C-alpha cells in the first residue's frame, strides 16, 4: 500500500480509530454523517426496513447548511448517502459527481466541507472496478483513488487551507 504508507509517514495519523458500530458500512456511514444510525445495524436503504422510507435524522450537512457553510457530497458512480432524507432532498448541486470535484479542486472552488465517495462497482466506460477498499476489491484501485484525490488537493489553490481525512472503518 505505497500511497497510504507514504501518507502515514508524511502526515498525521490515528492508529486507534474505532467505528461506532461493529458491523457493516451503511450504519457506520450514518454515524459519521449524523452521529446515529437511527437504529439500523445492517446495510439497507430503508428506515425501519419500510420500502420508500428514507432515514430522517439530522446530518452534518444540515448543520453546515444551517450555519451558512458550503458543502458538497461528491460521488464516483453512486451517491451512497441518498438513503438519508436530507441528502436525497439536498439543494441543487450539493450532490455532485467526482468530475465536479476534480474541476472544483482545480478552480479553487471547493466547499467548506466535501465528502467523497469512492466507486462501489465497475465503471462502465473504463472497466475499472471498485476503488472503495472493501474486502475482495482491488486495493490498487483504492490506492489510485487516494493518490488522485491527494494530488488534486495538493495542486489546488486551496491546498494550504485544506484538511484531508481518510477514514476506514473495520468491524474487527
N, C-alpha and C. Protein backbone atom coordinates (compact mmCIF):
# COMPACT_ATOMS: atom_id res chain seq x y z
N UNK A 1 0.84 -1.18 0.00
CA UNK A 1 0.00 0.00 0.00
C UNK A 1 0.88 1.25 0.00
N UNK A 2 1.55 1.51 -1.09
CA UNK A 2 2.53 2.61 -1.11
C UNK A 2 1.92 3.99 -0.87
N UNK A 3 0.72 4.25 -1.35
CA UNK A 3 0.12 5.57 -1.16
C UNK A 3 -0.24 5.79 0.31
N UNK A 4 -0.97 4.86 0.89
CA UNK A 4 -1.34 5.01 2.30
C UNK A 4 -0.11 5.00 3.20
N UNK A 5 0.88 4.17 2.89
CA UNK A 5 2.10 4.12 3.68
C UNK A 5 2.83 5.46 3.63
N UNK A 6 2.95 6.03 2.46
CA UNK A 6 3.63 7.32 2.31
C UNK A 6 2.86 8.41 3.06
N UNK A 7 1.54 8.42 2.91
CA UNK A 7 0.75 9.43 3.63
C UNK A 7 0.91 9.27 5.13
N UNK A 8 0.93 8.03 5.61
CA UNK A 8 1.10 7.79 7.05
C UNK A 8 2.46 8.27 7.54
N UNK A 9 3.48 8.12 6.72
CA UNK A 9 4.82 8.57 7.10
C UNK A 9 4.95 10.09 7.07
N UNK A 10 4.24 10.74 6.15
CA UNK A 10 4.39 12.17 5.93
C UNK A 10 3.39 13.04 6.71
N UNK A 11 2.27 12.46 7.09
CA UNK A 11 1.21 13.25 7.71
C UNK A 11 0.73 12.59 9.00
N UNK A 12 -0.09 13.31 9.74
CA UNK A 12 -0.64 12.80 10.99
C UNK A 12 -1.56 11.62 10.72
N UNK A 13 -1.55 10.66 11.63
CA UNK A 13 -2.47 9.53 11.51
C UNK A 13 -3.09 9.21 12.86
N UNK A 14 -4.21 8.55 12.81
CA UNK A 14 -4.82 7.98 14.01
C UNK A 14 -4.72 6.47 13.81
N UNK A 15 -4.09 5.79 14.71
CA UNK A 15 -3.97 4.35 14.53
C UNK A 15 -4.85 3.58 15.51
N UNK A 16 -5.72 4.29 16.19
CA UNK A 16 -6.65 3.64 17.11
C UNK A 16 -8.07 4.13 16.85
N UNK A 17 -8.48 4.12 15.59
CA UNK A 17 -9.83 4.53 15.21
C UNK A 17 -10.78 3.37 15.44
N UNK A 18 -11.87 3.62 16.12
CA UNK A 18 -12.86 2.58 16.36
C UNK A 18 -14.19 3.06 15.78
N UNK A 19 -14.77 2.23 14.96
CA UNK A 19 -16.05 2.61 14.36
C UNK A 19 -17.15 2.59 15.42
N UNK A 20 -18.20 3.33 15.17
CA UNK A 20 -19.30 3.45 16.13
C UNK A 20 -20.14 2.20 16.22
N UNK A 21 -20.20 1.46 15.14
CA UNK A 21 -21.00 0.24 15.10
C UNK A 21 -20.12 -0.91 14.61
N UNK A 22 -19.98 -1.96 15.37
CA UNK A 22 -19.13 -3.07 14.94
C UNK A 22 -19.84 -3.91 13.88
N UNK A 23 -20.04 -3.31 12.75
CA UNK A 23 -20.78 -4.00 11.70
C UNK A 23 -20.53 -3.38 10.34
N UNK A 24 -21.50 -3.48 9.45
CA UNK A 24 -21.31 -3.12 8.05
C UNK A 24 -21.21 -1.62 7.79
N UNK A 25 -20.99 -1.32 6.53
CA UNK A 25 -20.68 0.03 6.07
C UNK A 25 -21.78 1.05 6.33
N UNK A 26 -23.00 0.79 5.92
CA UNK A 26 -24.02 1.84 5.96
C UNK A 26 -24.32 2.38 7.35
N UNK A 27 -24.50 1.53 8.37
CA UNK A 27 -24.70 2.13 9.70
C UNK A 27 -23.53 3.00 10.13
N UNK A 28 -22.31 2.59 9.79
CA UNK A 28 -21.14 3.40 10.14
C UNK A 28 -21.08 4.69 9.35
N UNK A 29 -21.51 4.67 8.09
CA UNK A 29 -21.57 5.91 7.31
C UNK A 29 -22.57 6.86 7.95
N UNK A 30 -23.70 6.32 8.40
CA UNK A 30 -24.69 7.18 9.05
C UNK A 30 -24.14 7.78 10.34
N UNK A 31 -23.42 6.97 11.14
CA UNK A 31 -22.81 7.51 12.36
C UNK A 31 -21.85 8.64 12.02
N UNK A 32 -21.06 8.47 10.97
CA UNK A 32 -20.10 9.52 10.60
C UNK A 32 -20.79 10.79 10.15
N UNK A 33 -21.94 10.66 9.52
CA UNK A 33 -22.62 11.84 8.96
C UNK A 33 -23.72 12.39 9.86
N UNK A 34 -24.18 11.61 10.84
CA UNK A 34 -25.29 12.11 11.66
C UNK A 34 -25.21 11.71 13.13
N UNK A 35 -24.13 11.06 13.53
CA UNK A 35 -23.91 10.64 14.92
C UNK A 35 -24.92 9.59 15.39
N UNK A 36 -25.63 8.99 14.45
CA UNK A 36 -26.55 7.90 14.78
C UNK A 36 -26.81 7.08 13.52
N UNK A 37 -27.18 5.84 13.73
CA UNK A 37 -27.61 5.02 12.59
C UNK A 37 -29.12 4.88 12.61
N UNK A 38 -29.77 5.64 13.49
CA UNK A 38 -31.24 5.60 13.64
C UNK A 38 -31.72 4.18 13.88
N UNK A 39 -30.93 3.41 14.60
CA UNK A 39 -31.32 2.04 14.95
C UNK A 39 -30.93 0.98 13.94
N UNK A 40 -30.40 1.40 12.81
CA UNK A 40 -30.02 0.43 11.77
C UNK A 40 -28.73 -0.27 12.16
N UNK A 41 -28.71 -1.59 12.00
CA UNK A 41 -27.50 -2.37 12.27
C UNK A 41 -27.05 -3.16 11.04
N UNK A 42 -27.70 -2.93 9.92
CA UNK A 42 -27.33 -3.64 8.70
C UNK A 42 -27.38 -2.67 7.52
N UNK A 43 -26.77 -3.10 6.42
CA UNK A 43 -26.79 -2.28 5.22
C UNK A 43 -28.11 -2.50 4.51
N UNK A 44 -28.83 -1.43 4.34
CA UNK A 44 -30.11 -1.46 3.65
C UNK A 44 -30.61 -0.05 3.47
N UNK A 45 -31.33 0.22 2.39
CA UNK A 45 -31.68 1.59 2.05
C UNK A 45 -32.89 2.18 2.78
N UNK A 46 -33.63 1.41 3.53
CA UNK A 46 -34.89 1.93 4.06
C UNK A 46 -34.90 1.99 5.58
N UNK A 47 -35.42 3.08 6.07
CA UNK A 47 -35.58 3.29 7.51
C UNK A 47 -36.59 2.28 8.05
N UNK A 48 -36.22 1.56 9.08
CA UNK A 48 -37.05 0.50 9.68
C UNK A 48 -37.48 -0.54 8.65
N UNK A 49 -36.68 -0.71 7.61
CA UNK A 49 -36.95 -1.68 6.53
C UNK A 49 -38.28 -1.45 5.83
N UNK A 50 -38.78 -0.23 5.87
CA UNK A 50 -40.04 0.11 5.20
C UNK A 50 -39.72 0.70 3.84
N UNK A 51 -40.05 -0.01 2.75
CA UNK A 51 -39.73 0.48 1.41
C UNK A 51 -40.17 1.93 1.19
N UNK A 52 -39.26 2.72 0.69
CA UNK A 52 -39.54 4.13 0.41
C UNK A 52 -39.29 5.07 1.57
N UNK A 53 -39.06 4.55 2.77
CA UNK A 53 -38.83 5.39 3.95
C UNK A 53 -37.34 5.70 4.08
N UNK A 54 -36.97 6.94 3.86
CA UNK A 54 -35.58 7.36 3.99
C UNK A 54 -35.25 7.62 5.46
N UNK A 55 -33.98 7.55 5.80
CA UNK A 55 -33.55 7.81 7.18
C UNK A 55 -33.73 9.30 7.49
N UNK A 56 -34.46 9.63 8.56
CA UNK A 56 -34.87 11.01 8.81
C UNK A 56 -33.91 11.86 9.66
N UNK A 57 -32.85 11.27 10.19
CA UNK A 57 -32.04 12.01 11.16
C UNK A 57 -31.35 13.23 10.57
N UNK A 58 -31.09 14.18 11.45
CA UNK A 58 -30.36 15.39 11.09
C UNK A 58 -28.91 14.99 10.80
N UNK A 59 -28.31 15.61 9.78
CA UNK A 59 -26.95 15.26 9.39
C UNK A 59 -25.98 16.42 9.57
N UNK A 60 -24.73 16.09 9.43
CA UNK A 60 -23.67 17.09 9.43
C UNK A 60 -23.93 18.12 8.33
N UNK A 61 -24.45 17.66 7.21
CA UNK A 61 -24.76 18.57 6.10
C UNK A 61 -25.84 19.58 6.50
N UNK A 62 -26.83 19.12 7.28
CA UNK A 62 -27.87 20.03 7.76
C UNK A 62 -27.27 21.11 8.66
N UNK A 63 -26.34 20.71 9.53
CA UNK A 63 -25.67 21.66 10.42
C UNK A 63 -24.90 22.70 9.61
N UNK A 64 -24.17 22.24 8.61
CA UNK A 64 -23.41 23.16 7.76
C UNK A 64 -24.36 24.15 7.08
N UNK A 65 -25.43 23.62 6.53
CA UNK A 65 -26.43 24.45 5.84
C UNK A 65 -26.99 25.51 6.78
N UNK A 66 -27.36 25.07 7.98
CA UNK A 66 -27.95 25.99 8.97
C UNK A 66 -27.00 27.11 9.37
N UNK A 67 -25.71 26.82 9.36
CA UNK A 67 -24.72 27.82 9.75
C UNK A 67 -24.07 28.53 8.56
N UNK A 68 -24.69 28.41 7.40
CA UNK A 68 -24.23 29.16 6.23
C UNK A 68 -22.93 28.69 5.63
N UNK A 69 -22.56 27.45 5.89
CA UNK A 69 -21.32 26.91 5.33
C UNK A 69 -21.64 26.10 4.08
N UNK A 70 -20.73 26.12 3.13
CA UNK A 70 -20.94 25.39 1.89
C UNK A 70 -20.52 23.93 2.05
N UNK A 71 -21.16 23.05 1.27
CA UNK A 71 -20.81 21.64 1.30
C UNK A 71 -21.22 20.98 -0.01
N UNK A 72 -20.58 19.86 -0.27
CA UNK A 72 -20.94 19.02 -1.41
C UNK A 72 -20.62 17.57 -1.07
N UNK A 73 -21.45 16.70 -1.54
CA UNK A 73 -21.24 15.26 -1.43
C UNK A 73 -20.88 14.78 -2.83
N UNK A 74 -19.61 14.45 -3.04
CA UNK A 74 -19.13 14.03 -4.36
C UNK A 74 -19.16 12.50 -4.45
N UNK A 75 -19.55 11.99 -5.60
CA UNK A 75 -19.63 10.54 -5.77
C UNK A 75 -19.01 10.10 -7.09
N UNK A 76 -18.54 8.87 -7.12
CA UNK A 76 -17.99 8.26 -8.33
C UNK A 76 -19.12 7.72 -9.19
N UNK A 77 -19.73 6.64 -8.76
CA UNK A 77 -20.79 6.02 -9.55
C UNK A 77 -22.15 6.13 -8.89
N UNK A 78 -22.14 6.23 -7.59
CA UNK A 78 -23.40 6.24 -6.84
C UNK A 78 -23.27 7.18 -5.65
N UNK A 79 -24.22 8.11 -5.49
CA UNK A 79 -24.22 8.90 -4.25
C UNK A 79 -24.82 8.04 -3.14
N UNK A 80 -23.97 7.29 -2.45
CA UNK A 80 -24.40 6.28 -1.49
C UNK A 80 -25.36 6.81 -0.44
N UNK A 81 -25.19 8.03 -0.01
CA UNK A 81 -25.95 8.54 1.13
C UNK A 81 -27.36 8.99 0.79
N UNK A 82 -27.87 8.67 -0.38
CA UNK A 82 -29.23 9.09 -0.72
C UNK A 82 -30.29 8.36 0.11
N UNK A 83 -29.88 7.43 0.95
CA UNK A 83 -30.81 6.81 1.89
C UNK A 83 -31.09 7.74 3.07
N UNK A 84 -30.31 8.83 3.17
CA UNK A 84 -30.56 9.87 4.18
C UNK A 84 -31.47 10.92 3.56
N UNK A 85 -32.58 11.19 4.21
CA UNK A 85 -33.58 12.11 3.67
C UNK A 85 -33.01 13.47 3.30
N UNK A 86 -32.16 14.02 4.16
CA UNK A 86 -31.66 15.37 3.89
C UNK A 86 -30.73 15.40 2.68
N UNK A 87 -30.06 14.30 2.36
CA UNK A 87 -29.24 14.28 1.15
C UNK A 87 -30.07 13.99 -0.08
N UNK A 88 -31.07 13.14 0.07
CA UNK A 88 -31.94 12.83 -1.07
C UNK A 88 -32.68 14.09 -1.53
N UNK A 89 -32.91 15.02 -0.59
CA UNK A 89 -33.63 16.26 -0.90
C UNK A 89 -32.70 17.48 -0.80
N UNK A 90 -31.40 17.26 -1.02
CA UNK A 90 -30.42 18.34 -0.90
C UNK A 90 -30.64 19.39 -1.98
N UNK A 91 -30.29 20.64 -1.68
CA UNK A 91 -30.38 21.69 -2.69
C UNK A 91 -29.58 21.32 -3.94
N UNK A 92 -30.01 21.82 -5.07
CA UNK A 92 -29.35 21.54 -6.34
C UNK A 92 -27.85 21.75 -6.26
N UNK A 93 -27.12 20.82 -6.84
CA UNK A 93 -25.68 20.94 -6.92
C UNK A 93 -24.91 20.49 -5.70
N UNK A 94 -25.59 20.15 -4.63
CA UNK A 94 -24.89 19.73 -3.41
C UNK A 94 -24.44 18.27 -3.48
N UNK A 95 -25.12 17.46 -4.28
CA UNK A 95 -24.69 16.09 -4.54
C UNK A 95 -24.17 16.11 -5.97
N UNK A 96 -22.86 15.89 -6.13
CA UNK A 96 -22.21 16.12 -7.42
C UNK A 96 -21.24 14.98 -7.75
N UNK A 97 -20.97 14.82 -9.02
CA UNK A 97 -20.07 13.75 -9.47
C UNK A 97 -18.61 14.08 -9.12
N UNK A 98 -17.77 13.07 -9.13
CA UNK A 98 -16.34 13.28 -8.89
C UNK A 98 -15.73 14.16 -9.98
N UNK A 99 -16.31 14.15 -11.18
CA UNK A 99 -15.82 15.06 -12.22
C UNK A 99 -15.92 16.50 -11.74
N UNK A 100 -16.97 16.82 -11.00
CA UNK A 100 -17.13 18.17 -10.46
C UNK A 100 -16.12 18.43 -9.34
N UNK A 101 -15.78 17.38 -8.56
CA UNK A 101 -14.76 17.55 -7.54
C UNK A 101 -13.43 17.94 -8.17
N UNK A 102 -13.04 17.19 -9.23
CA UNK A 102 -11.76 17.49 -9.89
C UNK A 102 -11.76 18.94 -10.39
N UNK A 103 -12.87 19.36 -10.98
CA UNK A 103 -12.96 20.73 -11.50
C UNK A 103 -12.94 21.76 -10.37
N UNK A 104 -13.68 21.49 -9.29
CA UNK A 104 -13.71 22.42 -8.15
C UNK A 104 -12.32 22.55 -7.53
N UNK A 105 -11.61 21.43 -7.39
CA UNK A 105 -10.26 21.48 -6.83
C UNK A 105 -9.34 22.30 -7.74
N UNK A 106 -9.42 22.07 -9.03
CA UNK A 106 -8.58 22.79 -10.00
C UNK A 106 -8.85 24.30 -9.95
N UNK A 107 -10.14 24.68 -9.83
CA UNK A 107 -10.51 26.10 -9.81
C UNK A 107 -10.28 26.76 -8.45
N UNK A 108 -10.12 25.94 -7.42
CA UNK A 108 -10.03 26.51 -6.07
C UNK A 108 -11.40 26.89 -5.53
N UNK A 109 -12.43 26.17 -5.96
CA UNK A 109 -13.79 26.48 -5.52
C UNK A 109 -14.42 25.34 -4.73
N UNK A 110 -13.57 24.60 -4.01
CA UNK A 110 -14.11 23.54 -3.17
C UNK A 110 -14.94 24.16 -2.04
N UNK A 111 -15.98 23.45 -1.59
CA UNK A 111 -16.80 23.97 -0.50
C UNK A 111 -16.06 23.88 0.84
N UNK A 112 -16.64 24.43 1.87
CA UNK A 112 -16.05 24.35 3.21
C UNK A 112 -15.92 22.90 3.66
N UNK A 113 -16.86 22.05 3.24
CA UNK A 113 -16.82 20.63 3.59
C UNK A 113 -17.16 19.80 2.36
N UNK A 114 -16.31 18.85 2.05
CA UNK A 114 -16.56 17.94 0.93
C UNK A 114 -16.48 16.51 1.44
N UNK A 115 -17.46 15.72 1.08
CA UNK A 115 -17.50 14.29 1.42
C UNK A 115 -17.35 13.54 0.11
N UNK A 116 -16.33 12.68 0.02
CA UNK A 116 -16.04 11.98 -1.23
C UNK A 116 -16.41 10.51 -1.12
N UNK A 117 -17.12 10.02 -2.12
CA UNK A 117 -17.48 8.61 -2.19
C UNK A 117 -16.66 7.90 -3.25
N UNK A 118 -16.02 6.80 -2.87
CA UNK A 118 -15.33 6.01 -3.87
C UNK A 118 -16.33 5.26 -4.75
N UNK A 119 -15.82 4.61 -5.77
CA UNK A 119 -16.66 3.83 -6.68
C UNK A 119 -16.96 2.48 -6.03
N UNK A 120 -18.21 2.09 -6.04
CA UNK A 120 -18.60 0.82 -5.41
C UNK A 120 -18.83 -0.30 -6.41
N UNK A 121 -18.78 0.01 -7.69
CA UNK A 121 -18.99 -1.01 -8.71
C UNK A 121 -17.99 -0.83 -9.83
N UNK A 122 -18.27 -1.42 -10.96
CA UNK A 122 -17.38 -1.32 -12.11
C UNK A 122 -17.78 -0.11 -12.94
N UNK A 123 -16.78 0.71 -13.30
CA UNK A 123 -17.02 1.85 -14.17
C UNK A 123 -17.35 1.31 -15.56
N UNK A 124 -18.53 1.59 -16.05
CA UNK A 124 -18.99 1.04 -17.32
C UNK A 124 -18.16 1.50 -18.50
N UNK A 125 -17.62 2.72 -18.45
CA UNK A 125 -16.87 3.22 -19.60
C UNK A 125 -15.41 2.81 -19.59
N UNK A 126 -14.81 2.63 -18.40
CA UNK A 126 -13.39 2.27 -18.35
C UNK A 126 -13.15 0.81 -17.99
N UNK A 127 -14.14 0.16 -17.38
CA UNK A 127 -13.98 -1.22 -16.94
C UNK A 127 -13.22 -1.35 -15.63
N UNK A 128 -12.80 -0.23 -15.03
CA UNK A 128 -12.09 -0.26 -13.75
C UNK A 128 -13.09 -0.60 -12.65
N UNK A 129 -12.67 -1.48 -11.77
CA UNK A 129 -13.56 -1.93 -10.70
C UNK A 129 -13.65 -0.96 -9.54
N UNK A 130 -14.23 -1.45 -8.47
CA UNK A 130 -14.44 -0.66 -7.25
C UNK A 130 -13.12 -0.12 -6.72
N UNK A 131 -13.18 1.10 -6.18
CA UNK A 131 -11.99 1.67 -5.54
C UNK A 131 -12.30 2.04 -4.10
N UNK A 132 -13.20 1.27 -3.49
CA UNK A 132 -13.68 1.60 -2.15
C UNK A 132 -12.95 0.88 -1.01
N UNK A 133 -11.97 0.07 -1.32
CA UNK A 133 -11.16 -0.63 -0.33
C UNK A 133 -11.95 -1.68 0.48
N UNK A 134 -13.12 -2.07 0.02
CA UNK A 134 -13.84 -3.15 0.70
C UNK A 134 -13.13 -4.48 0.42
N UNK A 135 -13.28 -5.45 1.31
CA UNK A 135 -12.69 -6.77 1.07
C UNK A 135 -13.16 -7.31 -0.29
N UNK A 136 -12.31 -7.99 -0.94
CA UNK A 136 -12.45 -8.60 -2.28
C UNK A 136 -12.29 -7.59 -3.41
N UNK A 137 -12.19 -6.29 -3.12
CA UNK A 137 -11.98 -5.30 -4.17
C UNK A 137 -10.48 -5.02 -4.31
N UNK A 138 -10.08 -4.57 -5.47
CA UNK A 138 -8.68 -4.33 -5.78
C UNK A 138 -8.15 -3.13 -5.00
N UNK A 139 -7.22 -3.38 -4.08
CA UNK A 139 -6.68 -2.28 -3.27
C UNK A 139 -5.88 -1.30 -4.12
N UNK A 140 -5.35 -1.76 -5.26
CA UNK A 140 -4.62 -0.85 -6.14
C UNK A 140 -5.53 0.25 -6.67
N UNK A 141 -6.78 -0.08 -6.96
CA UNK A 141 -7.74 0.94 -7.41
C UNK A 141 -8.04 1.92 -6.29
N UNK A 142 -8.13 1.43 -5.07
CA UNK A 142 -8.33 2.32 -3.92
C UNK A 142 -7.13 3.23 -3.71
N UNK A 143 -5.94 2.67 -3.83
CA UNK A 143 -4.72 3.47 -3.72
C UNK A 143 -4.70 4.57 -4.78
N UNK A 144 -5.09 4.23 -6.00
CA UNK A 144 -5.12 5.21 -7.09
C UNK A 144 -6.10 6.33 -6.75
N UNK A 145 -7.27 5.97 -6.20
CA UNK A 145 -8.26 6.98 -5.83
C UNK A 145 -7.68 7.93 -4.79
N UNK A 146 -7.06 7.38 -3.73
CA UNK A 146 -6.46 8.23 -2.69
C UNK A 146 -5.39 9.15 -3.29
N UNK A 147 -4.55 8.60 -4.15
CA UNK A 147 -3.49 9.40 -4.76
C UNK A 147 -4.07 10.50 -5.65
N UNK A 148 -5.07 10.15 -6.45
CA UNK A 148 -5.68 11.15 -7.33
C UNK A 148 -6.31 12.29 -6.53
N UNK A 149 -6.99 11.94 -5.45
CA UNK A 149 -7.60 12.98 -4.60
C UNK A 149 -6.51 13.83 -3.97
N UNK A 150 -5.50 13.19 -3.41
CA UNK A 150 -4.39 13.92 -2.80
C UNK A 150 -3.74 14.88 -3.80
N UNK A 151 -3.45 14.39 -4.98
CA UNK A 151 -2.79 15.22 -5.99
C UNK A 151 -3.68 16.38 -6.43
N UNK A 152 -4.98 16.13 -6.53
CA UNK A 152 -5.90 17.22 -6.90
C UNK A 152 -5.93 18.29 -5.80
N UNK A 153 -5.94 17.86 -4.55
CA UNK A 153 -5.94 18.81 -3.44
C UNK A 153 -4.61 19.56 -3.38
N UNK A 154 -3.52 18.85 -3.54
CA UNK A 154 -2.20 19.47 -3.46
C UNK A 154 -2.00 20.51 -4.56
N UNK A 155 -2.57 20.26 -5.73
CA UNK A 155 -2.45 21.21 -6.85
C UNK A 155 -3.47 22.34 -6.77
N UNK A 156 -4.43 22.21 -5.88
CA UNK A 156 -5.50 23.20 -5.76
C UNK A 156 -5.00 24.49 -5.11
N UNK A 157 -5.53 25.63 -5.54
CA UNK A 157 -5.21 26.88 -4.85
C UNK A 157 -5.62 26.86 -3.38
N UNK A 158 -6.46 25.92 -2.99
CA UNK A 158 -6.94 25.83 -1.61
C UNK A 158 -6.10 24.90 -0.74
N UNK A 159 -5.01 24.34 -1.26
CA UNK A 159 -4.22 23.36 -0.55
C UNK A 159 -3.84 23.81 0.86
N UNK A 160 -3.41 25.03 1.03
CA UNK A 160 -2.95 25.49 2.35
C UNK A 160 -4.07 25.66 3.36
N UNK A 161 -5.30 25.57 2.94
CA UNK A 161 -6.42 25.68 3.87
C UNK A 161 -7.29 24.41 3.85
N UNK A 162 -6.69 23.30 3.44
CA UNK A 162 -7.42 22.06 3.29
C UNK A 162 -6.99 21.03 4.33
N UNK A 163 -7.97 20.38 4.94
CA UNK A 163 -7.74 19.23 5.82
C UNK A 163 -8.28 18.02 5.08
N UNK A 164 -7.44 17.05 4.81
CA UNK A 164 -7.80 15.85 4.09
C UNK A 164 -7.79 14.69 5.07
N UNK A 165 -8.93 14.06 5.26
CA UNK A 165 -9.05 12.94 6.19
C UNK A 165 -9.52 11.72 5.43
N UNK A 166 -8.81 10.62 5.60
CA UNK A 166 -9.21 9.33 5.06
C UNK A 166 -9.62 8.47 6.23
N UNK A 167 -10.82 7.93 6.17
CA UNK A 167 -11.24 7.02 7.24
C UNK A 167 -11.47 5.64 6.64
N UNK A 168 -11.26 4.67 7.46
CA UNK A 168 -11.52 3.29 7.07
C UNK A 168 -12.01 2.59 8.31
N UNK A 169 -13.29 2.29 8.34
CA UNK A 169 -13.86 1.61 9.50
C UNK A 169 -13.74 0.12 9.31
N UNK A 170 -13.50 -0.56 10.39
CA UNK A 170 -13.42 -2.01 10.36
C UNK A 170 -14.22 -2.55 11.53
N UNK A 171 -14.83 -3.69 11.33
CA UNK A 171 -15.60 -4.28 12.42
C UNK A 171 -14.73 -5.23 13.25
N UNK A 172 -13.41 -5.16 13.08
CA UNK A 172 -12.52 -6.01 13.86
C UNK A 172 -11.87 -5.23 14.96
